[in-house]
Each structure stands twice: as C-alpha cells, then as structure tokens.
C-alpha cells in the first residue's frame, strides 16, 4: 500500500487526482510529467522574451579625446528604461583623464515602420573625477578635481532577433554645474550590449 502526504498545494492536487476522481496512479504519473514539461516550456519562453537587462560597452571620441564605458541598461515598465555607464575619458589636448559615472532615465519607443529599431531620449546626472598635470612652466604634481553635471541623451537602437544583442548610436551632451559651468556638446557614442 502506498501512503501519500496530502499537505500543501501539491498534496491537495494528488488527493484531488487519486481519490476524488479515481485517476489511476500510472495516468497520474504521466500527467505529472506533462504538467512539469508544460511549466518548463512556459518558463523558458517567458525567460527568452523577458530580456530586461543589457550589458556591454559604449565608445565615443572627438578631436583629441576618446572614451570607453561599461554600459548597463535595465528596462522598466514600457517605455521606461534606465542606463548606467562607468567610463574613462582621455583628453590629449589638455593632458586630462576623467573617470565618470553617468545615470540616464530614458523613454524608449519602437519605430513602427522599421522592424527591431527604436529611438529613445532621456536625462540624468554625471559625476566625474579628473586628474591633470597642468601646463605650468615648472614641475607640478598631478592634481585631482571633481565635477558634477547633467546629461541629456537621444539615440536609436537595433535589437537582433537571432542573437541577444543590441546596437545603439546616441548623442549625449553634458552641462557641468560644479565647480564651473561648462557645456560639452560633442559626445556621439556607439554601444553594443548583450541582452539577458
């Protein structure tokens, strides 16, 4: 004789199948495997569809400066998305290096006439630590300084069907507020991110 523990939701399901409706044990076992298979398939389908995260790199450059960033995106309820980038920029003209953190709240929209293509815009804060040696006529130790600004961003992205990749082109100017007010407009970037 086989004894069953009917506690919990699964136990109630077993009791319902075996005793209330007289479903034979072998049929119940087959049904159990089918139910598990259906749940697993639905779970994989949901996980494949719900790729809310993307991580990769953003590169940009200009006249005598270049920049590389580690870029992370998180999709929220449509059309909302956040992007966080940790980057390093070198300015050869002034011998300045920048380590910075940028956060952007974005609104993302699909372009109905172009499959897998979308556009977005947003804004957010930027924090920077910069170092420079200064072009003074004497030996000067490396100096460090901080800066705080606000960025705006507008761009387009393409999402591949066959592979979980995203390509994006964007324009992201920055208005620095501390320690002085400076507007840096020439920041065009190319990003590639893996979606998961």
N, C-alpha and C. Protein backbone atom coordinates (compact mmCIF):
# COMPACT_ATOMS: atom_id res chain seq x y z
N UNK A 1 0.85 -1.19 0.00
CA UNK A 1 0.00 0.00 0.00
C UNK A 1 0.89 1.23 0.00
N UNK A 2 0.51 2.22 -0.82
CA UNK A 2 1.30 3.45 -0.94
C UNK A 2 0.63 4.54 -0.10
N UNK A 3 1.44 5.23 0.72
CA UNK A 3 0.90 6.30 1.55
C UNK A 3 1.35 7.64 0.96
N UNK A 4 0.49 8.63 0.97
CA UNK A 4 0.78 9.95 0.43
C UNK A 4 0.63 10.99 1.53
N UNK A 5 1.46 11.99 1.46
CA UNK A 5 1.32 13.14 2.34
C UNK A 5 0.52 14.20 1.58
N UNK A 6 -0.65 14.54 2.07
CA UNK A 6 -1.51 15.46 1.34
C UNK A 6 -1.37 16.91 1.80
N UNK A 7 -0.29 17.20 2.48
CA UNK A 7 -0.07 18.58 2.92
C UNK A 7 0.36 19.46 1.76
N UNK A 8 0.06 20.72 1.83
CA UNK A 8 0.48 21.68 0.83
C UNK A 8 -0.34 21.61 -0.45
N UNK A 9 -0.04 22.49 -1.37
CA UNK A 9 -0.78 22.58 -2.62
C UNK A 9 -0.60 21.34 -3.48
N UNK A 10 0.64 20.84 -3.56
CA UNK A 10 0.89 19.64 -4.36
C UNK A 10 0.15 18.43 -3.78
N UNK A 11 0.16 18.30 -2.45
CA UNK A 11 -0.56 17.21 -1.80
C UNK A 11 -2.05 17.26 -2.07
N UNK A 12 -2.61 18.45 -2.07
CA UNK A 12 -4.04 18.59 -2.36
C UNK A 12 -4.33 18.19 -3.81
N UNK A 13 -3.39 18.53 -4.71
CA UNK A 13 -3.56 18.15 -6.12
C UNK A 13 -3.53 16.62 -6.27
N UNK A 14 -2.60 15.95 -5.55
CA UNK A 14 -2.53 14.49 -5.58
C UNK A 14 -3.82 13.89 -5.05
N UNK A 15 -4.29 14.40 -3.94
CA UNK A 15 -5.54 13.89 -3.35
C UNK A 15 -6.70 14.06 -4.33
N UNK A 16 -6.76 15.24 -4.95
CA UNK A 16 -7.83 15.52 -5.91
C UNK A 16 -7.79 14.53 -7.07
N UNK A 17 -6.60 14.24 -7.59
CA UNK A 17 -6.47 13.35 -8.75
C UNK A 17 -6.71 11.88 -8.39
N UNK A 18 -6.09 11.41 -7.30
CA UNK A 18 -6.12 9.98 -7.00
C UNK A 18 -7.40 9.54 -6.32
N UNK A 19 -7.92 10.35 -5.41
CA UNK A 19 -9.05 9.89 -4.61
C UNK A 19 -10.38 10.47 -5.05
N UNK A 20 -10.44 11.74 -5.34
CA UNK A 20 -11.70 12.36 -5.69
C UNK A 20 -12.18 11.92 -7.06
N UNK A 21 -11.24 11.74 -8.00
CA UNK A 21 -11.64 11.43 -9.38
C UNK A 21 -11.14 10.07 -9.84
N UNK A 22 -10.59 9.28 -8.93
CA UNK A 22 -10.17 7.92 -9.22
C UNK A 22 -9.28 7.81 -10.46
N UNK A 23 -8.35 8.76 -10.63
CA UNK A 23 -7.40 8.69 -11.73
C UNK A 23 -6.34 7.65 -11.37
N UNK A 24 -6.12 6.65 -12.22
CA UNK A 24 -5.12 5.62 -11.90
C UNK A 24 -3.74 6.23 -11.69
N UNK A 25 -2.94 5.55 -10.86
CA UNK A 25 -1.61 6.05 -10.49
C UNK A 25 -0.72 6.25 -11.71
N UNK A 26 -0.71 5.33 -12.65
CA UNK A 26 0.15 5.44 -13.84
C UNK A 26 -0.25 6.64 -14.69
N UNK A 27 -1.55 6.89 -14.78
CA UNK A 27 -2.03 8.05 -15.53
C UNK A 27 -1.64 9.35 -14.83
N UNK A 28 -1.70 9.32 -13.49
CA UNK A 28 -1.31 10.50 -12.72
C UNK A 28 0.17 10.83 -12.92
N UNK A 29 1.02 9.78 -12.94
CA UNK A 29 2.46 9.99 -13.13
C UNK A 29 2.72 10.59 -14.51
N UNK A 30 2.04 10.10 -15.54
CA UNK A 30 2.19 10.66 -16.89
C UNK A 30 1.72 12.10 -16.93
N UNK A 31 0.60 12.35 -16.24
CA UNK A 31 0.06 13.70 -16.20
C UNK A 31 1.04 14.64 -15.50
N UNK A 32 1.64 14.14 -14.43
CA UNK A 32 2.61 14.94 -13.68
C UNK A 32 3.78 15.34 -14.57
N UNK A 33 4.30 14.40 -15.37
CA UNK A 33 5.41 14.70 -16.29
C UNK A 33 4.98 15.73 -17.33
N UNK A 34 3.75 15.59 -17.83
CA UNK A 34 3.25 16.53 -18.84
C UNK A 34 3.13 17.93 -18.25
N UNK A 35 2.59 17.99 -17.04
CA UNK A 35 2.44 19.30 -16.39
C UNK A 35 3.80 19.94 -16.17
N UNK A 36 4.78 19.16 -15.69
CA UNK A 36 6.13 19.70 -15.49
C UNK A 36 6.75 20.18 -16.80
N UNK A 37 6.53 19.43 -17.87
CA UNK A 37 7.05 19.81 -19.17
C UNK A 37 6.42 21.12 -19.65
N UNK A 38 5.11 21.25 -19.50
CA UNK A 38 4.41 22.48 -19.91
C UNK A 38 4.92 23.67 -19.10
N UNK A 39 5.06 23.50 -17.79
CA UNK A 39 5.56 24.58 -16.94
C UNK A 39 6.99 24.97 -17.34
N UNK A 40 7.84 23.98 -17.62
CA UNK A 40 9.22 24.27 -18.02
C UNK A 40 9.27 25.02 -19.34
N UNK A 41 8.47 24.58 -20.32
CA UNK A 41 8.45 25.25 -21.63
C UNK A 41 7.96 26.69 -21.48
N UNK A 42 6.90 26.88 -20.68
CA UNK A 42 6.40 28.25 -20.47
C UNK A 42 7.44 29.12 -19.77
N UNK A 43 8.16 28.52 -18.81
CA UNK A 43 9.19 29.28 -18.12
C UNK A 43 10.32 29.70 -19.04
N UNK A 44 10.79 28.78 -19.91
CA UNK A 44 11.85 29.13 -20.87
C UNK A 44 11.37 30.18 -21.86
N UNK A 45 10.13 30.06 -22.32
CA UNK A 45 9.59 31.05 -23.26
C UNK A 45 9.50 32.42 -22.61
N UNK A 46 9.07 32.45 -21.35
CA UNK A 46 8.98 33.73 -20.65
C UNK A 46 10.37 34.33 -20.44
N UNK A 47 11.33 33.49 -20.05
CA UNK A 47 12.70 33.98 -19.83
C UNK A 47 13.32 34.49 -21.11
N UNK A 48 13.05 33.82 -22.23
CA UNK A 48 13.60 34.26 -23.52
C UNK A 48 13.00 35.59 -23.94
N UNK A 49 11.72 35.78 -23.63
CA UNK A 49 11.04 37.01 -24.05
C UNK A 49 11.40 38.17 -23.13
N UNK A 50 11.51 37.90 -21.85
CA UNK A 50 11.69 38.97 -20.87
C UNK A 50 13.17 39.27 -20.67
N UNK A 51 13.81 39.85 -21.66
CA UNK A 51 15.21 40.24 -21.56
C UNK A 51 15.26 41.70 -21.12
N UNK A 52 15.15 41.88 -19.81
CA UNK A 52 15.03 43.22 -19.26
C UNK A 52 16.38 43.89 -19.02
N UNK A 53 17.47 43.14 -19.10
CA UNK A 53 18.79 43.67 -18.82
C UNK A 53 19.68 43.62 -20.06
N UNK A 54 20.60 44.55 -20.12
CA UNK A 54 21.60 44.55 -21.19
C UNK A 54 22.90 45.13 -20.64
N UNK A 55 24.01 44.48 -20.96
CA UNK A 55 25.31 44.96 -20.50
C UNK A 55 26.30 44.91 -21.66
N UNK A 56 27.18 45.90 -21.72
CA UNK A 56 28.14 45.93 -22.81
C UNK A 56 29.07 47.12 -22.69
N UNK A 57 29.37 47.71 -23.83
CA UNK A 57 30.33 48.81 -23.87
C UNK A 57 29.81 49.94 -24.74
N UNK A 58 30.20 51.15 -24.39
CA UNK A 58 29.91 52.35 -25.19
C UNK A 58 31.24 53.03 -25.45
N UNK A 59 31.51 53.36 -26.72
CA UNK A 59 32.74 54.06 -27.08
C UNK A 59 32.37 55.36 -27.79
N UNK A 60 33.19 56.37 -27.57
CA UNK A 60 32.96 57.66 -28.22
C UNK A 60 34.31 58.36 -28.38
N UNK A 61 34.32 59.39 -29.17
CA UNK A 61 35.56 60.12 -29.41
C UNK A 61 35.32 61.43 -30.12
N UNK A 62 36.37 62.21 -30.18
CA UNK A 62 36.27 63.51 -30.84
C UNK A 62 37.66 64.01 -31.18
N UNK A 63 37.80 65.31 -31.31
CA UNK A 63 39.06 65.93 -31.65
C UNK A 63 40.01 65.85 -30.45
N UNK A 64 40.97 64.93 -30.50
CA UNK A 64 42.00 64.72 -29.48
C UNK A 64 41.45 64.19 -28.15
N UNK A 65 40.31 63.54 -28.16
CA UNK A 65 39.83 62.86 -26.96
C UNK A 65 39.10 61.58 -27.35
N UNK A 66 39.10 60.63 -26.45
CA UNK A 66 38.41 59.37 -26.68
C UNK A 66 37.93 58.82 -25.34
N UNK A 67 36.95 57.94 -25.41
CA UNK A 67 36.28 57.50 -24.20
C UNK A 67 35.80 56.06 -24.36
N UNK A 68 35.87 55.28 -23.28
CA UNK A 68 35.32 53.92 -23.23
C UNK A 68 34.52 53.78 -21.95
N UNK A 69 33.36 53.13 -22.06
CA UNK A 69 32.47 52.98 -20.91
C UNK A 69 31.95 51.55 -20.81
N UNK A 70 31.75 51.09 -19.59
CA UNK A 70 30.98 49.88 -19.33
C UNK A 70 29.54 50.34 -19.16
N UNK A 71 28.65 49.76 -19.94
CA UNK A 71 27.27 50.26 -20.00
C UNK A 71 26.27 49.18 -19.59
N UNK A 72 25.34 49.55 -18.72
CA UNK A 72 24.28 48.64 -18.26
C UNK A 72 22.92 49.31 -18.44
N UNK A 73 21.96 48.54 -18.97
CA UNK A 73 20.59 49.04 -19.12
C UNK A 73 19.63 48.11 -18.42
N UNK A 74 18.58 48.69 -17.86
CA UNK A 74 17.52 47.92 -17.22
C UNK A 74 16.17 48.47 -17.70
N UNK A 75 15.38 47.61 -18.36
CA UNK A 75 14.06 48.01 -18.82
C UNK A 75 13.08 47.93 -17.66
N UNK A 76 12.28 48.97 -17.53
CA UNK A 76 11.23 49.03 -16.52
C UNK A 76 9.91 48.84 -17.25
N UNK A 77 8.82 49.28 -16.69
CA UNK A 77 7.55 49.24 -17.41
C UNK A 77 7.67 50.13 -18.64
N UNK A 78 7.22 49.61 -19.81
CA UNK A 78 7.34 50.36 -21.06
C UNK A 78 6.65 51.72 -20.92
N UNK A 79 7.27 52.77 -21.46
CA UNK A 79 8.50 52.83 -22.25
C UNK A 79 9.73 53.20 -21.43
N UNK A 80 9.70 52.99 -20.12
CA UNK A 80 10.76 53.47 -19.23
C UNK A 80 11.96 52.52 -19.18
N UNK A 81 13.14 53.13 -19.09
CA UNK A 81 14.38 52.36 -19.03
C UNK A 81 15.43 53.22 -18.33
N UNK A 82 16.37 52.56 -17.64
CA UNK A 82 17.49 53.28 -17.04
C UNK A 82 18.79 52.76 -17.63
N UNK A 83 19.75 53.65 -17.75
CA UNK A 83 21.08 53.29 -18.24
C UNK A 83 22.11 53.84 -17.28
N UNK A 84 23.08 53.02 -16.91
CA UNK A 84 24.17 53.44 -16.04
C UNK A 84 25.48 53.10 -16.73
N UNK A 85 26.37 54.08 -16.82
CA UNK A 85 27.65 53.89 -17.51
C UNK A 85 28.80 54.32 -16.61
N UNK A 86 29.81 53.48 -16.53
CA UNK A 86 31.05 53.81 -15.83
C UNK A 86 32.12 53.91 -16.90
N UNK A 87 32.72 55.11 -17.02
CA UNK A 87 33.63 55.32 -18.13
C UNK A 87 34.93 56.01 -17.77
N UNK A 88 35.83 56.00 -18.75
CA UNK A 88 37.12 56.68 -18.62
C UNK A 88 37.38 57.43 -19.92
N UNK A 89 37.68 58.71 -19.79
CA UNK A 89 37.93 59.55 -20.96
C UNK A 89 39.31 60.19 -20.84
N UNK A 90 40.01 60.25 -21.97
CA UNK A 90 41.33 60.88 -22.03
C UNK A 90 41.24 62.06 -22.99
N UNK A 91 41.74 63.21 -22.53
CA UNK A 91 41.78 64.42 -23.35
C UNK A 91 43.25 64.74 -23.59
N UNK A 92 43.73 64.40 -24.80
CA UNK A 92 45.15 64.59 -25.12
C UNK A 92 45.54 66.06 -25.20
N UNK A 93 44.61 66.90 -25.58
CA UNK A 93 44.93 68.32 -25.76
C UNK A 93 45.36 68.97 -24.45
N UNK A 94 44.68 68.61 -23.35
CA UNK A 94 44.96 69.25 -22.06
C UNK A 94 45.59 68.29 -21.05
N UNK A 95 45.97 67.08 -21.50
CA UNK A 95 46.54 66.08 -20.59
C UNK A 95 45.65 65.85 -19.37
N UNK A 96 44.39 65.60 -19.64
CA UNK A 96 43.42 65.38 -18.57
C UNK A 96 42.81 63.99 -18.74
N UNK A 97 42.67 63.27 -17.65
CA UNK A 97 41.95 62.00 -17.64
C UNK A 97 40.72 62.10 -16.76
N UNK A 98 39.64 61.47 -17.16
CA UNK A 98 38.38 61.55 -16.43
C UNK A 98 37.87 60.15 -16.11
N UNK A 99 37.50 59.91 -14.89
CA UNK A 99 36.75 58.73 -14.50
C UNK A 99 35.36 59.22 -14.13
N UNK A 100 34.32 58.66 -14.75
CA UNK A 100 32.99 59.23 -14.51
C UNK A 100 31.92 58.16 -14.43
N UNK A 101 30.83 58.52 -13.78
CA UNK A 101 29.65 57.68 -13.64
C UNK A 101 28.45 58.47 -14.13
N UNK A 102 27.71 57.89 -15.07
CA UNK A 102 26.55 58.57 -15.64
C UNK A 102 25.32 57.70 -15.46
N UNK A 103 24.24 58.31 -15.06
CA UNK A 103 22.95 57.62 -14.96
C UNK A 103 21.93 58.36 -15.80
N UNK A 104 21.19 57.64 -16.65
CA UNK A 104 20.22 58.27 -17.53
C UNK A 104 18.87 57.56 -17.42
N UNK A 105 17.84 58.33 -17.15
CA UNK A 105 16.47 57.81 -17.19
C UNK A 105 15.96 58.05 -18.61
N UNK A 106 15.53 56.98 -19.29
CA UNK A 106 15.18 57.08 -20.71
C UNK A 106 13.72 56.69 -20.96
N UNK A 107 13.18 57.26 -22.01
CA UNK A 107 11.90 56.83 -22.57
C UNK A 107 12.22 56.23 -23.93
N UNK A 108 11.82 54.97 -24.14
CA UNK A 108 12.16 54.24 -25.34
C UNK A 108 10.90 53.91 -26.13
N UNK A 109 10.96 54.11 -27.46
CA UNK A 109 9.80 53.88 -28.32
C UNK A 109 10.23 53.09 -29.56
N UNK A 110 9.39 52.13 -29.96
CA UNK A 110 9.64 51.38 -31.19
C UNK A 110 9.28 52.24 -32.39
N UNK A 111 10.01 52.03 -33.48
CA UNK A 111 9.68 52.68 -34.75
C UNK A 111 8.85 51.69 -35.55
N UNK A 112 7.57 51.98 -35.72
CA UNK A 112 6.64 51.00 -36.31
C UNK A 112 6.99 50.64 -37.75
N UNK A 113 7.60 51.56 -38.48
CA UNK A 113 7.90 51.30 -39.89
C UNK A 113 9.21 50.53 -40.08
N UNK A 114 9.97 50.33 -39.01
CA UNK A 114 11.25 49.63 -39.11
C UNK A 114 11.32 48.56 -38.03
N UNK A 115 11.38 47.31 -38.44
CA UNK A 115 11.38 46.18 -37.51
C UNK A 115 12.65 46.18 -36.64
N UNK A 116 12.47 45.96 -35.34
CA UNK A 116 13.56 45.85 -34.35
C UNK A 116 14.31 47.16 -34.11
N UNK A 117 13.83 48.26 -34.65
CA UNK A 117 14.51 49.55 -34.49
C UNK A 117 13.69 50.44 -33.57
N UNK A 118 14.39 51.13 -32.67
CA UNK A 118 13.71 52.03 -31.75
C UNK A 118 14.50 53.31 -31.55
N UNK A 119 13.87 54.27 -30.89
CA UNK A 119 14.56 55.52 -30.57
C UNK A 119 14.25 55.86 -29.12
N UNK A 120 15.09 56.67 -28.52
CA UNK A 120 14.94 56.99 -27.10
C UNK A 120 15.53 58.35 -26.79
N UNK A 121 15.08 58.90 -25.68
CA UNK A 121 15.66 60.14 -25.16
C UNK A 121 15.59 60.09 -23.65
N UNK A 122 16.46 60.87 -22.99
CA UNK A 122 16.44 60.88 -21.55
C UNK A 122 17.41 61.89 -20.97
N UNK A 123 17.50 61.90 -19.65
CA UNK A 123 18.38 62.83 -18.95
C UNK A 123 18.79 62.20 -17.62
N UNK A 124 19.86 62.74 -17.03
CA UNK A 124 20.31 62.23 -15.73
C UNK A 124 21.59 62.88 -15.28
N UNK A 125 22.10 62.47 -14.11
CA UNK A 125 23.29 63.09 -13.53
C UNK A 125 24.59 62.44 -14.00
N UNK A 126 25.66 63.20 -13.88
CA UNK A 126 27.02 62.69 -14.13
C UNK A 126 27.94 63.17 -13.02
N UNK A 127 28.74 62.24 -12.49
CA UNK A 127 29.77 62.55 -11.50
C UNK A 127 31.12 62.21 -12.11
N UNK A 128 32.10 63.11 -11.94
CA UNK A 128 33.42 62.91 -12.54
C UNK A 128 34.53 63.14 -11.53
N UNK A 129 35.59 62.37 -11.68
CA UNK A 129 36.85 62.65 -11.01
C UNK A 129 37.87 62.81 -12.13
N UNK A 130 38.56 63.93 -12.14
CA UNK A 130 39.53 64.16 -13.20
C UNK A 130 40.90 64.44 -12.61
N UNK A 131 41.93 64.05 -13.36
CA UNK A 131 43.29 64.34 -12.94
C UNK A 131 44.00 65.05 -14.09
N UNK A 132 44.94 65.93 -13.75
CA UNK A 132 45.66 66.69 -14.77
C UNK A 132 46.99 67.13 -14.19
N UNK A 133 47.96 67.37 -15.10
CA UNK A 133 49.27 67.80 -14.60
C UNK A 133 49.49 69.28 -14.79
N UNK A 134 48.62 69.95 -15.52
CA UNK A 134 48.73 71.40 -15.67
C UNK A 134 49.92 71.80 -16.51
N UNK A 135 49.73 72.71 -17.42
CA UNK A 135 50.82 73.18 -18.28
C UNK A 135 51.40 74.47 -17.69
N UNK A 136 51.99 74.34 -16.52
CA UNK A 136 52.65 75.50 -15.91
C UNK A 136 54.14 75.38 -16.21
N UNK A 137 54.91 76.26 -16.26
CA UNK A 137 56.31 76.17 -16.68
C UNK A 137 57.22 75.46 -15.72
N UNK A 138 56.71 74.87 -14.65
CA UNK A 138 57.57 74.19 -13.68
C UNK A 138 56.96 72.85 -13.32
N UNK A 139 57.70 72.02 -12.62
CA UNK A 139 57.19 70.70 -12.23
C UNK A 139 55.98 70.87 -11.33
N UNK A 140 54.92 70.23 -11.74
CA UNK A 140 53.68 70.36 -10.99
C UNK A 140 53.14 68.95 -10.74
N UNK A 141 52.87 68.58 -9.51
CA UNK A 141 52.33 67.24 -9.27
C UNK A 141 50.94 67.10 -9.89
N UNK A 142 50.54 65.86 -10.09
CA UNK A 142 49.22 65.62 -10.65
C UNK A 142 48.15 66.11 -9.68
N UNK A 143 47.19 66.82 -10.20
CA UNK A 143 46.09 67.36 -9.41
C UNK A 143 44.83 66.55 -9.67
N UNK A 144 43.97 66.49 -8.67
CA UNK A 144 42.69 65.82 -8.79
C UNK A 144 41.57 66.83 -8.53
N UNK A 145 40.46 66.66 -9.22
CA UNK A 145 39.32 67.53 -9.01
C UNK A 145 38.05 66.74 -9.30
N UNK A 146 36.94 67.25 -8.86
CA UNK A 146 35.65 66.61 -9.10
C UNK A 146 34.74 67.52 -9.89
N UNK A 147 33.78 66.94 -10.56
CA UNK A 147 32.82 67.71 -11.32
C UNK A 147 31.46 67.02 -11.26
N UNK A 148 30.41 67.81 -11.30
CA UNK A 148 29.04 67.31 -11.31
C UNK A 148 28.31 67.98 -12.45
N UNK A 149 27.55 67.20 -13.20
CA UNK A 149 26.82 67.76 -14.32
C UNK A 149 25.52 67.01 -14.59
N UNK A 150 24.84 67.46 -15.62
CA UNK A 150 23.59 66.85 -16.07
C UNK A 150 23.73 66.53 -17.54
N UNK A 151 23.36 65.31 -17.93
CA UNK A 151 23.43 64.92 -19.34
C UNK A 151 22.03 64.81 -19.91
N UNK A 152 21.96 65.04 -21.21
CA UNK A 152 20.78 64.73 -22.00
C UNK A 152 21.20 63.70 -23.03
N UNK A 153 20.29 62.84 -23.45
CA UNK A 153 20.66 61.78 -24.38
C UNK A 153 19.52 61.52 -25.36
N UNK A 154 19.87 61.37 -26.62
CA UNK A 154 18.91 60.95 -27.64
C UNK A 154 19.63 59.96 -28.55
N UNK A 155 18.93 58.90 -28.94
CA UNK A 155 19.60 57.89 -29.75
C UNK A 155 18.65 56.92 -30.41
N UNK A 156 19.24 55.99 -31.15
CA UNK A 156 18.49 54.93 -31.81
C UNK A 156 19.18 53.60 -31.49
N UNK A 157 18.38 52.52 -31.36
CA UNK A 157 18.96 51.21 -31.12
C UNK A 157 18.29 50.16 -31.99
N UNK A 158 19.07 49.11 -32.27
CA UNK A 158 18.60 48.00 -33.08
C UNK A 158 18.77 46.72 -32.28
N UNK A 159 17.71 45.90 -32.22
CA UNK A 159 17.72 44.64 -31.48
C UNK A 159 17.68 43.48 -32.46
N UNK A 160 18.68 42.61 -32.38
CA UNK A 160 18.74 41.45 -33.27
C UNK A 160 17.75 40.39 -32.81
N UNK A 161 17.18 39.66 -33.77
CA UNK A 161 16.25 38.57 -33.45
C UNK A 161 16.98 37.28 -33.11
N UNK A 162 17.96 36.92 -33.93
CA UNK A 162 18.61 35.62 -33.81
C UNK A 162 19.54 35.53 -32.61
N UNK A 163 20.12 36.64 -32.21
CA UNK A 163 21.06 36.66 -31.09
C UNK A 163 20.67 37.77 -30.12
N UNK A 164 20.96 37.61 -28.83
CA UNK A 164 20.55 38.62 -27.84
C UNK A 164 21.50 39.81 -27.78
N UNK A 165 21.59 40.54 -28.89
CA UNK A 165 22.47 41.71 -28.96
C UNK A 165 21.68 42.95 -29.32
N UNK A 166 22.20 44.08 -28.86
CA UNK A 166 21.63 45.39 -29.17
C UNK A 166 22.76 46.32 -29.62
N UNK A 167 22.54 47.03 -30.71
CA UNK A 167 23.46 48.08 -31.17
C UNK A 167 22.78 49.43 -31.01
N UNK A 168 23.52 50.44 -30.61
CA UNK A 168 22.92 51.76 -30.41
C UNK A 168 23.88 52.86 -30.82
N UNK A 169 23.32 53.92 -31.37
CA UNK A 169 24.03 55.17 -31.65
C UNK A 169 23.32 56.28 -30.88
N UNK A 170 24.10 57.12 -30.20
CA UNK A 170 23.44 58.18 -29.43
C UNK A 170 24.28 59.45 -29.39
N UNK A 171 23.60 60.51 -29.01
CA UNK A 171 24.21 61.83 -28.80
C UNK A 171 23.92 62.20 -27.36
N UNK A 172 25.00 62.49 -26.58
CA UNK A 172 24.83 62.72 -25.14
C UNK A 172 25.67 63.93 -24.68
N UNK A 173 25.16 65.13 -24.84
CA UNK A 173 25.87 66.31 -24.33
C UNK A 173 25.75 66.41 -22.81
N UNK A 174 26.66 67.18 -22.21
CA UNK A 174 26.67 67.32 -20.76
C UNK A 174 26.84 68.79 -20.37
N UNK A 175 26.03 69.23 -19.44
CA UNK A 175 26.17 70.57 -18.85
C UNK A 175 26.75 70.39 -17.46
N UNK A 176 28.02 70.81 -17.28
CA UNK A 176 28.67 70.72 -15.98
C UNK A 176 28.24 71.92 -15.13
N UNK A 177 27.91 71.65 -13.88
CA UNK A 177 27.42 72.70 -12.98
C UNK A 177 28.41 73.02 -11.87
N UNK A 178 29.21 72.04 -11.47
CA UNK A 178 30.18 72.20 -10.39
C UNK A 178 31.51 71.62 -10.87
N UNK A 179 32.63 72.25 -10.68
CA UNK A 179 32.88 73.51 -9.97
C UNK A 179 32.60 74.76 -10.82
N UNK A 180 32.58 74.62 -12.14
CA UNK A 180 32.23 75.75 -13.01
C UNK A 180 31.18 75.27 -14.01
N UNK A 181 30.53 76.21 -14.64
CA UNK A 181 29.51 75.88 -15.64
C UNK A 181 30.16 75.76 -17.01
N UNK A 182 30.15 74.55 -17.54
CA UNK A 182 30.74 74.27 -18.86
C UNK A 182 29.78 73.36 -19.62
N UNK A 183 29.59 73.65 -20.91
CA UNK A 183 28.74 72.80 -21.73
C UNK A 183 29.61 72.04 -22.71
N UNK A 184 29.56 70.71 -22.65
CA UNK A 184 30.32 69.87 -23.57
C UNK A 184 29.31 69.16 -24.46
N UNK A 185 29.26 69.54 -25.70
CA UNK A 185 28.21 69.04 -26.60
C UNK A 185 28.67 67.87 -27.46
N UNK A 186 29.97 67.74 -27.74
CA UNK A 186 30.43 66.77 -28.75
C UNK A 186 30.63 65.39 -28.13
N UNK A 187 29.53 64.67 -27.87
CA UNK A 187 29.64 63.32 -27.34
C UNK A 187 28.69 62.40 -28.12
N UNK A 188 29.20 61.84 -29.21
CA UNK A 188 28.46 60.87 -30.02
C UNK A 188 29.03 59.50 -29.68
N UNK A 189 28.16 58.53 -29.38
CA UNK A 189 28.64 57.23 -28.94
C UNK A 189 28.04 56.07 -29.72
N UNK A 190 28.80 54.98 -29.77
CA UNK A 190 28.36 53.71 -30.34
C UNK A 190 28.40 52.67 -29.23
N UNK A 191 27.29 51.94 -29.05
CA UNK A 191 27.20 50.94 -27.97
C UNK A 191 26.85 49.58 -28.54
N UNK A 192 27.38 48.56 -27.90
CA UNK A 192 26.96 47.18 -28.18
C UNK A 192 26.74 46.52 -26.82
N UNK A 193 25.58 45.88 -26.68
CA UNK A 193 25.21 45.28 -25.39
C UNK A 193 24.63 43.89 -25.59
N UNK A 194 24.91 43.03 -24.61
CA UNK A 194 24.33 41.68 -24.58
C UNK A 194 23.07 41.73 -23.72
N UNK A 195 21.96 41.23 -24.24
CA UNK A 195 20.69 41.26 -23.53
C UNK A 195 20.46 39.96 -22.78
N UNK A 196 20.01 40.07 -21.54
CA UNK A 196 19.72 38.88 -20.75
C UNK A 196 18.56 39.14 -19.80
